[in-house]
Amino acid sequence: MRIKHLWLTDYRGYGSVDLDLPDGLTAIVGRNGHGKTNLAESVAWLATLKSFRGAPTEALIRSEAEAAIVRGDIENAGRELLIETELPRRGRVRAQVNRQRLQRSRDLLGMFRVSVFSPEDLELVKGSPSQRRGYIDDVLVDLHPRNDKLRLDVERILKQRNALLRSSGGRLTDDVKATLDVWDAKLTESGGALVAARREALDLLTPILAKAYDQVAKGPAEITTAYRADWEHLGLAEALVASRKDDLRRGLSTVGPHRDDIEVVLNGLSTRTHASQGEQRSIALALRLAAHDAVTAVTGSPPVLLLDDVFSELDPFRSGALVEHLPKGQALLTSAAGLPDGADPELIVEVADHQLAIRG
């Protein structure tokens, strides 16, 4: 899988971009605030129709423009795909593939895949459980795009259940109980399926994670993982019933897959609370590498790697280890501090004030 050509119109600070990209490593270099990450973000947008920086759509449109255009010429398993997206300041994002309009954004899933590495990845280890749930759910979708519907179903059910809890005024009337029974049954079914998929993905990732950690830390270590769900001892159906009093009082669902966590254990200790900063950075890198390798193994095609200013947060030891063990395939690397030792890009793109200069 690769992106052969990228076109931008009025995206972020870019008026126009027309860029050929080689098969191997492309380095995007320049000072901070001049548009390096915006370029990488636009590539990821073509895969997900989302900003990996969490920016709303309107923030992606150049200030004086009414819409932005992001287009990419993609090669996926020998198939040529022209992905075109329009981001209007008002209204819905529009996307088409080979001139055929997509009715839903999730119809794009699987046509183009990226693996994003960023300095914020440290939050996968030391941040809140939502960071780790987001990680495993993104892996699920990359492994099998149909999992996106499962995730959305759980989100929809929780939204409806929470709306009922808020409107109840804290009282469990017969009508509220009957409707809660319906939403609890739906959440038990869909939530249970999501948790089962998460566990299956975690089983796939764990041995790959251990190998990836050995590579970036350059030393063997015992890596295990565990899926943590407070409701496990009761089962989800009973736990939802047991939590009703508290849920009604608080107006939200206090148990379920939206509250679960994933624990990564290094040499018998939780990496979130007991690992050093260096160990946590190695674990974060290993989590991204493991996801990339797992998706490659299952789909048969490596996602495009996007390494956004990762090396600014790594010491020379870990930078060298990451460069040495970068997976095969196309990669884009952004850097404000020069290139790490061992990096040998096929193309260097210099960015200054959202203008590009090409060096082969």
Foldseek 3Di string as FASTA:
>chain_A
DDWQWKWKDQFQLAHIDTDGDDKAEEEEEEAPPQCSLSVVQLLQCLAQVAGPVRDDLLNGGHPVDQKMKIWTFDADPNDTWIWIWIRGNDDDIWIDIPPHTDPDRLVSHPVAFEQEAEQVLLCCAQNAQLSVLVLLLVLLCLLPVVSVVLVVQLVVLQVVLLVLLVVVLLDDDVVSVVVNLVSLVSQLVSLVVNVVSSVVSQVQLFVQLQVQLCLLVVHHWDKDKDKFFPCVVPGSSVVQVVCSNVCSVVSGRDGTPSRIGMFIDINRHTSNPPNDPQSSLSSSSSSSVSSQVSSCVSVVHGHEYEYEQSVVPDDLSSLVSCLVPPDDIHYYYYHHPDHRPPDDRPKYWYGGNNDTDIDD
